[in-house]
N, C-alpha and C. Protein backbone atom coordinates (compact mmCIF):
# COMPACT_ATOMS: atom_id res chain seq x y z
N MET A 1 2.41 -18.12 -40.80
CA MET A 1 2.88 -19.30 -41.03
C MET A 1 1.23 -20.37 -41.15
N LEU A 2 0.69 -20.58 -42.29
CA LEU A 2 -0.01 -21.56 -42.33
C LEU A 2 -0.26 -22.78 -41.53
N SER A 3 -1.14 -23.19 -40.55
CA SER A 3 -1.01 -24.20 -39.92
C SER A 3 -0.88 -25.38 -40.35
N ARG A 4 -0.32 -26.59 -39.93
CA ARG A 4 -1.00 -27.63 -40.67
C ARG A 4 -2.20 -28.46 -40.76
N ARG A 5 -3.24 -28.19 -39.39
CA ARG A 5 -4.15 -28.16 -39.46
C ARG A 5 -4.86 -27.23 -40.67
N ALA A 6 -4.77 -26.35 -41.47
CA ALA A 6 -5.12 -25.57 -42.18
C ALA A 6 -4.65 -25.94 -43.42
N LYS A 7 -3.96 -26.72 -43.39
CA LYS A 7 -3.47 -27.18 -44.75
C LYS A 7 -3.81 -28.24 -45.15
N TYR A 8 -4.02 -29.23 -44.03
CA TYR A 8 -5.02 -30.17 -43.93
C TYR A 8 -6.14 -30.08 -44.32
N ALA A 9 -6.64 -28.95 -43.57
CA ALA A 9 -8.52 -28.78 -44.16
C ALA A 9 -8.70 -28.33 -45.60
N LEU A 10 -7.25 -27.66 -45.87
CA LEU A 10 -7.85 -27.57 -46.97
C LEU A 10 -7.20 -28.43 -48.26
N ARG A 11 -6.61 -29.30 -48.09
CA ARG A 11 -6.33 -30.76 -48.92
C ARG A 11 -7.77 -31.68 -48.79
N ALA A 12 -8.39 -31.53 -47.66
CA ALA A 12 -9.59 -32.61 -47.47
C ALA A 12 -10.69 -31.78 -48.37
N LEU A 13 -10.83 -30.39 -48.50
CA LEU A 13 -11.98 -29.88 -48.94
C LEU A 13 -11.61 -29.58 -50.40
N ILE A 14 -10.40 -29.51 -50.79
CA ILE A 14 -10.31 -29.46 -52.27
C ILE A 14 -10.41 -31.14 -52.74
N TYR A 15 -10.12 -32.53 -51.78
CA TYR A 15 -10.65 -33.73 -52.28
C TYR A 15 -12.23 -34.11 -52.36
N LEU A 16 -12.74 -33.13 -51.70
CA LEU A 16 -14.04 -33.29 -51.74
C LEU A 16 -14.65 -32.33 -52.81
N ALA A 17 -14.43 -31.38 -53.03
CA ALA A 17 -14.59 -30.77 -54.40
C ALA A 17 -14.51 -31.51 -55.26
N GLY A 18 -13.66 -32.43 -55.51
CA GLY A 18 -13.17 -33.43 -56.47
C GLY A 18 -14.27 -34.23 -56.82
N GLN A 19 -14.76 -34.81 -55.41
CA GLN A 19 -15.76 -35.76 -55.65
C GLN A 19 -17.44 -35.46 -55.74
N ARG A 20 -17.61 -34.05 -56.05
CA ARG A 20 -18.32 -33.37 -56.01
C ARG A 20 -19.61 -33.86 -57.35
N GLY A 21 -20.51 -34.42 -56.18
CA GLY A 21 -21.68 -35.34 -56.66
C GLY A 21 -21.56 -36.51 -56.31
N ALA A 22 -20.44 -37.26 -55.87
CA ALA A 22 -20.65 -38.78 -55.45
C ALA A 22 -21.26 -38.90 -54.16
N ALA A 23 -20.88 -39.91 -54.05
CA ALA A 23 -21.29 -40.55 -52.32
C ALA A 23 -20.63 -39.45 -51.22
N PRO A 24 -21.34 -39.68 -50.26
CA PRO A 24 -20.98 -38.51 -49.22
C PRO A 24 -19.30 -39.93 -48.99
N VAL A 25 -18.14 -38.79 -48.49
CA VAL A 25 -17.00 -39.48 -48.34
C VAL A 25 -16.62 -39.84 -47.00
N PRO A 26 -16.61 -40.74 -46.66
CA PRO A 26 -15.89 -41.22 -44.81
C PRO A 26 -14.47 -40.72 -44.88
N VAL A 27 -14.28 -40.09 -43.39
CA VAL A 27 -13.17 -39.49 -43.29
C VAL A 27 -11.96 -40.47 -43.33
N ARG A 28 -12.16 -41.78 -43.02
CA ARG A 28 -11.16 -42.67 -42.78
C ARG A 28 -10.40 -42.93 -44.24
N ASP A 29 -11.45 -42.80 -45.60
CA ASP A 29 -11.03 -42.95 -46.58
C ASP A 29 -10.22 -41.96 -47.30
N MET A 30 -10.95 -40.52 -46.82
CA MET A 30 -9.86 -39.07 -46.92
C MET A 30 -8.34 -39.13 -46.12
N ALA A 31 -8.75 -40.01 -45.23
CA ALA A 31 -7.20 -39.88 -44.23
C ALA A 31 -6.10 -40.73 -44.81
N GLU A 32 -6.68 -41.95 -45.20
CA GLU A 32 -5.88 -42.89 -46.31
C GLU A 32 -4.98 -42.39 -47.26
N GLU A 33 -6.49 -42.04 -48.40
CA GLU A 33 -5.81 -41.27 -49.52
C GLU A 33 -5.01 -40.04 -49.53
N LEU A 34 -5.25 -39.19 -48.27
CA LEU A 34 -4.49 -37.82 -48.47
C LEU A 34 -3.03 -38.25 -47.53
N ASP A 35 -3.30 -39.00 -46.91
CA ASP A 35 -1.97 -39.41 -45.84
C ASP A 35 -1.83 -38.60 -44.58
N ILE A 36 -2.99 -38.65 -44.18
CA ILE A 36 -3.39 -37.92 -43.26
C ILE A 36 -3.95 -38.77 -41.86
N SER A 37 -3.30 -38.54 -40.83
CA SER A 37 -3.62 -39.08 -39.90
C SER A 37 -5.68 -39.37 -38.98
N HIS A 38 -5.89 -39.89 -39.21
CA HIS A 38 -7.25 -39.92 -39.11
C HIS A 38 -8.17 -39.68 -37.94
N ALA A 39 -7.52 -39.48 -37.08
CA ALA A 39 -7.97 -39.06 -35.85
C ALA A 39 -7.79 -37.59 -35.78
N PHE A 40 -7.03 -36.81 -36.35
CA PHE A 40 -6.21 -35.16 -36.53
C PHE A 40 -7.50 -34.78 -37.71
N LEU A 41 -8.01 -35.87 -38.83
CA LEU A 41 -8.58 -35.18 -39.57
C LEU A 41 -10.14 -35.42 -39.04
N GLU A 42 -10.27 -36.23 -38.24
CA GLU A 42 -11.55 -36.33 -37.58
C GLU A 42 -11.85 -34.93 -36.87
N GLN A 43 -10.85 -34.61 -36.20
CA GLN A 43 -10.88 -33.35 -35.70
C GLN A 43 -11.44 -32.22 -36.54
N ILE A 44 -10.07 -32.22 -37.15
CA ILE A 44 -10.36 -30.85 -38.52
C ILE A 44 -11.84 -31.46 -39.03
N PHE A 45 -12.37 -32.36 -39.36
CA PHE A 45 -13.65 -32.21 -39.83
C PHE A 45 -14.94 -31.89 -38.77
N SER A 46 -14.89 -31.78 -38.08
CA SER A 46 -15.58 -31.86 -36.54
C SER A 46 -15.90 -29.98 -36.61
N GLU A 47 -14.47 -29.32 -36.91
CA GLU A 47 -14.44 -27.63 -36.90
C GLU A 47 -15.22 -27.53 -38.54
N LEU A 48 -14.77 -28.05 -39.72
CA LEU A 48 -15.45 -28.00 -40.70
C LEU A 48 -16.62 -28.10 -40.51
N LYS A 49 -17.49 -28.79 -40.26
CA LYS A 49 -18.46 -29.26 -39.84
C LYS A 49 -19.22 -28.00 -38.94
N ARG A 50 -18.89 -27.48 -37.94
CA ARG A 50 -19.25 -26.44 -37.25
C ARG A 50 -19.19 -24.91 -37.88
N TYR A 51 -18.41 -24.78 -38.79
CA TYR A 51 -18.13 -23.76 -39.37
C TYR A 51 -18.78 -24.22 -41.08
N ASN A 52 -19.96 -24.62 -40.88
CA ASN A 52 -20.73 -24.97 -42.32
C ASN A 52 -19.95 -25.12 -43.53
N PHE A 53 -18.32 -25.72 -43.76
CA PHE A 53 -18.45 -25.96 -44.96
C PHE A 53 -18.63 -27.33 -45.51
N VAL A 54 -18.88 -28.33 -44.45
CA VAL A 54 -19.74 -29.61 -44.74
C VAL A 54 -20.65 -30.08 -44.19
N VAL A 55 -21.05 -31.30 -44.65
CA VAL A 55 -22.35 -31.62 -44.15
C VAL A 55 -22.06 -33.31 -44.28
N ALA A 56 -22.37 -33.56 -42.65
CA ALA A 56 -22.29 -34.86 -42.48
C ALA A 56 -23.33 -36.13 -42.44
N THR A 57 -23.28 -37.28 -43.12
CA THR A 57 -24.07 -38.14 -43.42
C THR A 57 -23.53 -39.28 -42.13
N ARG A 58 -24.75 -40.12 -41.64
CA ARG A 58 -24.53 -41.33 -40.71
C ARG A 58 -25.15 -42.31 -41.56
N GLY A 59 -24.41 -43.29 -40.79
CA GLY A 59 -24.70 -44.73 -41.22
C GLY A 59 -23.54 -45.52 -42.36
N LYS A 60 -24.22 -46.92 -42.78
CA LYS A 60 -22.81 -47.56 -43.90
C LYS A 60 -22.51 -46.77 -44.64
N GLN A 61 -23.35 -45.97 -45.38
CA GLN A 61 -23.04 -45.10 -46.78
C GLN A 61 -22.56 -43.96 -46.25
N GLY A 62 -22.05 -43.09 -44.71
CA GLY A 62 -21.83 -42.48 -44.25
C GLY A 62 -20.68 -41.61 -44.66
N GLY A 63 -20.78 -40.20 -44.43
CA GLY A 63 -19.37 -39.64 -45.16
C GLY A 63 -19.68 -38.07 -44.72
N PHE A 64 -18.75 -37.21 -45.29
CA PHE A 64 -19.19 -36.02 -45.74
C PHE A 64 -19.05 -35.80 -46.85
N VAL A 65 -20.23 -34.35 -47.45
CA VAL A 65 -20.06 -33.74 -48.63
C VAL A 65 -19.87 -32.19 -48.69
N LEU A 66 -19.23 -31.72 -49.38
CA LEU A 66 -19.53 -29.84 -49.05
C LEU A 66 -20.96 -29.37 -48.93
N SER A 67 -20.70 -28.31 -48.41
CA SER A 67 -22.29 -28.14 -47.82
C SER A 67 -22.83 -26.91 -48.87
N ARG A 68 -21.82 -26.65 -49.73
CA ARG A 68 -21.89 -25.26 -50.75
C ARG A 68 -21.25 -25.75 -52.32
N ASN A 69 -21.50 -25.58 -53.27
CA ASN A 69 -21.14 -25.41 -54.54
C ASN A 69 -19.47 -25.15 -54.15
N PRO A 70 -18.31 -25.89 -54.59
CA PRO A 70 -16.83 -25.49 -54.43
C PRO A 70 -16.67 -24.22 -54.73
N LYS A 71 -17.29 -23.72 -55.97
CA LYS A 71 -16.90 -22.55 -56.57
C LYS A 71 -17.45 -21.34 -55.71
N ASP A 72 -18.14 -21.57 -54.80
CA ASP A 72 -18.69 -20.45 -53.84
C ASP A 72 -17.50 -20.63 -52.26
N ILE A 73 -16.74 -21.23 -52.44
CA ILE A 73 -16.09 -21.55 -51.20
C ILE A 73 -14.52 -21.53 -51.51
N ASN A 74 -13.83 -20.38 -50.70
CA ASN A 74 -12.28 -19.80 -51.23
C ASN A 74 -11.81 -19.71 -50.53
N PHE A 75 -10.21 -20.13 -50.49
CA PHE A 75 -9.25 -20.17 -49.29
C PHE A 75 -8.96 -19.46 -48.24
N ALA A 76 -9.28 -18.08 -48.25
CA ALA A 76 -9.40 -17.38 -47.48
C ALA A 76 -10.34 -17.18 -46.42
N GLU A 77 -11.22 -18.10 -46.97
CA GLU A 77 -12.92 -18.04 -45.81
C GLU A 77 -12.18 -19.23 -44.88
N ILE A 78 -11.72 -20.61 -45.63
CA ILE A 78 -11.08 -21.66 -44.99
C ILE A 78 -9.96 -21.09 -43.85
N ILE A 79 -9.10 -20.65 -44.41
CA ILE A 79 -7.81 -20.57 -43.50
C ILE A 79 -8.41 -19.50 -42.48
N ARG A 80 -9.05 -18.64 -42.50
CA ARG A 80 -9.55 -17.48 -41.63
C ARG A 80 -10.88 -18.03 -40.29
N HIS A 81 -11.12 -19.49 -40.94
CA HIS A 81 -11.69 -20.23 -39.36
C HIS A 81 -10.92 -21.30 -39.13
N ILE A 82 -10.12 -21.72 -39.73
CA ILE A 82 -9.20 -22.56 -39.29
C ILE A 82 -8.04 -21.50 -38.34
N ASP A 83 -7.12 -21.27 -38.90
CA ASP A 83 -6.56 -20.03 -38.18
C ASP A 83 -6.77 -19.19 -37.93
N GLY A 84 -7.67 -18.43 -38.11
CA GLY A 84 -7.72 -16.83 -37.66
C GLY A 84 -7.28 -16.02 -39.01
N PRO A 85 -7.10 -14.61 -38.30
CA PRO A 85 -6.65 -13.66 -39.29
C PRO A 85 -5.77 -13.80 -40.04
N LEU A 86 -5.81 -12.97 -41.40
CA LEU A 86 -4.74 -13.35 -42.41
C LEU A 86 -3.27 -12.55 -41.90
N ALA A 87 -3.61 -11.59 -41.17
CA ALA A 87 -2.63 -10.20 -40.86
C ALA A 87 -1.49 -10.88 -40.00
N LEU A 88 -0.51 -10.39 -40.43
CA LEU A 88 0.93 -11.05 -39.45
C LEU A 88 1.05 -10.53 -37.84
N ALA A 89 0.23 -9.85 -38.07
CA ALA A 89 0.14 -8.96 -36.61
C ALA A 89 -1.03 -8.38 -36.32
N PRO A 90 -1.82 -8.41 -34.69
CA PRO A 90 -2.77 -7.81 -34.77
C PRO A 90 -3.25 -6.27 -34.93
N CYS A 91 -2.26 -5.72 -35.03
CA CYS A 91 -2.63 -4.52 -35.19
C CYS A 91 -2.83 -3.66 -36.67
N ALA A 92 -2.51 -5.18 -37.62
CA ALA A 92 -3.03 -5.08 -38.93
C ALA A 92 -4.37 -6.02 -39.27
N SER A 93 -4.97 -6.92 -38.30
CA SER A 93 -6.37 -7.01 -38.74
C SER A 93 -7.23 -6.55 -39.02
N GLN A 94 -8.16 -6.95 -39.64
CA GLN A 94 -9.57 -5.94 -40.05
C GLN A 94 -10.76 -6.80 -39.07
N THR A 95 -10.43 -8.42 -38.46
CA THR A 95 -11.54 -9.09 -37.51
C THR A 95 -11.03 -8.90 -36.78
N ALA A 96 -9.68 -8.80 -36.19
CA ALA A 96 -8.90 -8.84 -34.60
C ALA A 96 -8.48 -8.10 -34.12
N PHE A 97 -8.39 -6.69 -34.74
CA PHE A 97 -7.53 -5.63 -33.88
C PHE A 97 -7.63 -5.56 -33.05
N ARG A 98 -6.20 -5.39 -32.87
CA ARG A 98 -5.97 -4.75 -31.40
C ARG A 98 -4.30 -4.40 -31.35
N PRO A 99 -4.13 -3.65 -30.57
CA PRO A 99 -2.24 -2.78 -30.98
C PRO A 99 -1.61 -3.61 -30.34
N CYS A 100 -0.45 -3.66 -30.76
CA CYS A 100 0.77 -4.29 -30.50
C CYS A 100 1.06 -4.27 -29.00
N PRO A 101 1.44 -5.03 -28.07
CA PRO A 101 1.53 -4.24 -26.96
C PRO A 101 2.72 -3.53 -26.72
N GLU A 102 3.76 -3.49 -27.79
CA GLU A 102 5.41 -2.80 -27.75
C GLU A 102 5.10 -1.67 -28.45
N CYS A 103 3.90 -1.76 -29.13
CA CYS A 103 3.70 -0.29 -29.86
C CYS A 103 3.27 1.06 -28.98
N GLU A 104 4.23 2.09 -29.32
CA GLU A 104 3.41 3.40 -28.12
C GLU A 104 2.57 4.18 -29.24
N ASP A 105 2.11 4.26 -30.69
CA ASP A 105 1.09 4.73 -31.17
C ASP A 105 0.77 4.08 -32.49
N ILE A 106 -0.25 3.28 -32.70
CA ILE A 106 -0.46 2.84 -34.07
C ILE A 106 -0.76 3.73 -35.18
N HIS A 107 -0.79 4.97 -35.32
CA HIS A 107 -0.82 5.84 -36.18
C HIS A 107 0.66 6.63 -36.79
N THR A 108 1.46 6.11 -35.82
CA THR A 108 2.83 6.41 -36.44
C THR A 108 3.59 5.50 -36.74
N CYS A 109 3.36 4.36 -36.36
CA CYS A 109 3.83 3.04 -36.60
C CYS A 109 4.59 2.74 -37.93
N ARG A 110 5.64 2.60 -38.09
CA ARG A 110 6.15 2.49 -39.59
C ARG A 110 6.26 1.53 -40.09
N LEU A 111 6.00 0.26 -39.14
CA LEU A 111 5.73 -1.43 -39.52
C LEU A 111 4.32 -1.66 -39.98
N ARG A 112 3.36 -1.17 -39.17
CA ARG A 112 1.76 -1.12 -39.63
C ARG A 112 1.20 -1.15 -41.04
N PRO A 113 1.63 0.06 -41.75
CA PRO A 113 1.33 0.22 -42.98
C PRO A 113 1.63 -1.10 -43.97
N ALA A 114 3.17 -1.68 -44.05
CA ALA A 114 3.78 -3.03 -44.52
C ALA A 114 2.98 -3.86 -44.44
N LEU A 115 2.55 -3.96 -43.12
CA LEU A 115 1.95 -5.05 -42.47
C LEU A 115 0.13 -4.93 -43.30
N ILE A 116 -0.37 -4.13 -43.01
CA ILE A 116 -1.81 -3.89 -43.66
C ILE A 116 -1.61 -4.39 -45.62
N ALA A 117 -0.48 -3.62 -45.96
CA ALA A 117 -0.51 -4.13 -47.36
C ALA A 117 0.13 -5.58 -48.01
N ALA A 118 0.86 -6.28 -46.81
CA ALA A 118 0.89 -7.95 -47.27
C ALA A 118 -0.78 -8.56 -46.52
N ARG A 119 -1.15 -7.85 -45.52
CA ARG A 119 -2.43 -8.65 -45.66
C ARG A 119 -3.72 -8.44 -46.43
N ASP A 120 -3.59 -7.38 -46.81
CA ASP A 120 -4.02 -7.01 -48.28
C ASP A 120 -4.19 -7.85 -49.73
N ALA A 121 -2.55 -7.85 -49.62
CA ALA A 121 -2.29 -8.57 -50.91
C ALA A 121 -2.35 -9.99 -51.02
N THR A 122 -2.50 -10.60 -49.80
CA THR A 122 -2.33 -12.17 -48.97
C THR A 122 -4.31 -12.23 -49.33
N ALA A 123 -5.05 -11.39 -48.73
CA ALA A 123 -6.56 -11.68 -48.93
C ALA A 123 -7.07 -11.49 -50.20
N ARG A 124 -6.14 -11.04 -50.55
CA ARG A 124 -6.80 -10.50 -52.68
C ARG A 124 -6.29 -11.63 -53.60
N VAL A 125 -5.21 -12.60 -53.33
CA VAL A 125 -5.02 -13.99 -53.65
C VAL A 125 -5.68 -14.95 -52.72
N LEU A 126 -5.49 -14.86 -52.07
CA LEU A 126 -6.56 -16.07 -51.31
C LEU A 126 -7.93 -16.18 -51.66
N GLU A 127 -8.04 -15.02 -51.64
CA GLU A 127 -10.23 -14.90 -51.99
C GLU A 127 -10.54 -15.31 -52.58
N LYS A 128 -9.13 -14.88 -54.43
CA LYS A 128 -9.46 -15.72 -56.08
C LYS A 128 -9.98 -17.12 -56.08
N ILE A 129 -8.91 -17.53 -54.89
CA ILE A 129 -9.03 -19.39 -55.51
C ILE A 129 -10.12 -19.94 -54.69
N THR A 130 -10.76 -20.75 -55.10
CA THR A 130 -11.87 -21.29 -55.11
C THR A 130 -11.56 -22.63 -54.70
N LEU A 131 -12.15 -23.56 -53.93
CA LEU A 131 -12.01 -25.40 -54.51
C LEU A 131 -12.23 -25.97 -55.26
N ALA A 132 -13.19 -25.26 -56.01
CA ALA A 132 -13.53 -25.41 -57.69
C ALA A 132 -12.32 -25.45 -58.57
N GLN A 133 -11.49 -24.58 -58.12
CA GLN A 133 -10.45 -23.97 -59.21
C GLN A 133 -9.12 -25.35 -58.62
N ALA A 134 -9.30 -25.12 -57.37
CA ALA A 134 -7.74 -25.89 -57.03
C ALA A 134 -8.42 -27.48 -57.19
N ALA A 135 -9.72 -27.92 -57.29
CA ALA A 135 -9.68 -29.09 -57.62
C ALA A 135 -9.79 -29.39 -58.96
N GLY A 136 -9.91 -28.64 -59.60
CA GLY A 136 -9.78 -28.69 -60.89
C GLY A 136 -8.31 -28.64 -61.88
N ALA A 137 -7.71 -27.68 -61.31
CA ALA A 137 -6.62 -27.03 -61.92
C ALA A 137 -5.55 -28.39 -62.52
N ARG A 138 -5.43 -27.38 -63.72
CA ARG A 138 -4.66 -28.60 -64.65
C ARG A 138 -3.11 -28.05 -64.57
N LYS A 139 -3.28 -26.77 -64.61
CA LYS A 139 -2.23 -25.52 -64.73
C LYS A 139 -2.00 -25.05 -63.08
N PRO A 140 -0.92 -24.56 -63.11
CA PRO A 140 -0.56 -23.88 -61.49
C PRO A 140 -1.53 -23.03 -61.18
N ILE A 141 -1.84 -23.26 -59.97
CA ILE A 141 -2.52 -21.80 -59.49
C ILE A 141 -2.91 -20.90 -59.75
N LYS A 142 -1.61 -20.49 -60.09
CA LYS A 142 -0.39 -18.80 -60.41
C LYS A 142 -1.33 -18.40 -61.72
N ALA A 143 -1.59 -19.82 -62.59
CA ALA A 143 -2.36 -18.76 -63.92
C ALA A 143 -4.11 -18.85 -63.58
N LEU A 144 -4.20 -19.49 -62.53
CA LEU A 144 -5.96 -19.01 -62.61
C LEU A 144 -5.64 -17.67 -62.26
N LEU A 145 -4.91 -16.77 -61.59
CA LEU A 145 -5.44 -15.50 -60.91
C LEU A 145 -5.06 -14.68 -62.03
């Protein structure tokens, strides 16, 4: 399940993508506009800055801007940095693989193939959706895929 932290990160980054070319946006303004706790959004932006999704500028006109073009940032990348692997179980993860403690043999597990298929399908969809698409979407994202 997508965490609240990841949802807010996505919403804030989509907001910034819609502001492309404008002045840096203060977190306080984003928090008010998106109805997100200012303190929580500050924490999220600290992570987003550490993962190089945004660049901060200080001062009276300070705030955040995207570090890259919004067409080059996809949902999967953001979610992986905020929430971790997309897989539903560690045995299906490509980046954080480990056998499930209750599994006797990952090679004969009857659940693992379905979990891998779900991970792959999820990744395919989320890797196709960019911040630029989400920010400019006049039609449902499903139509963009």
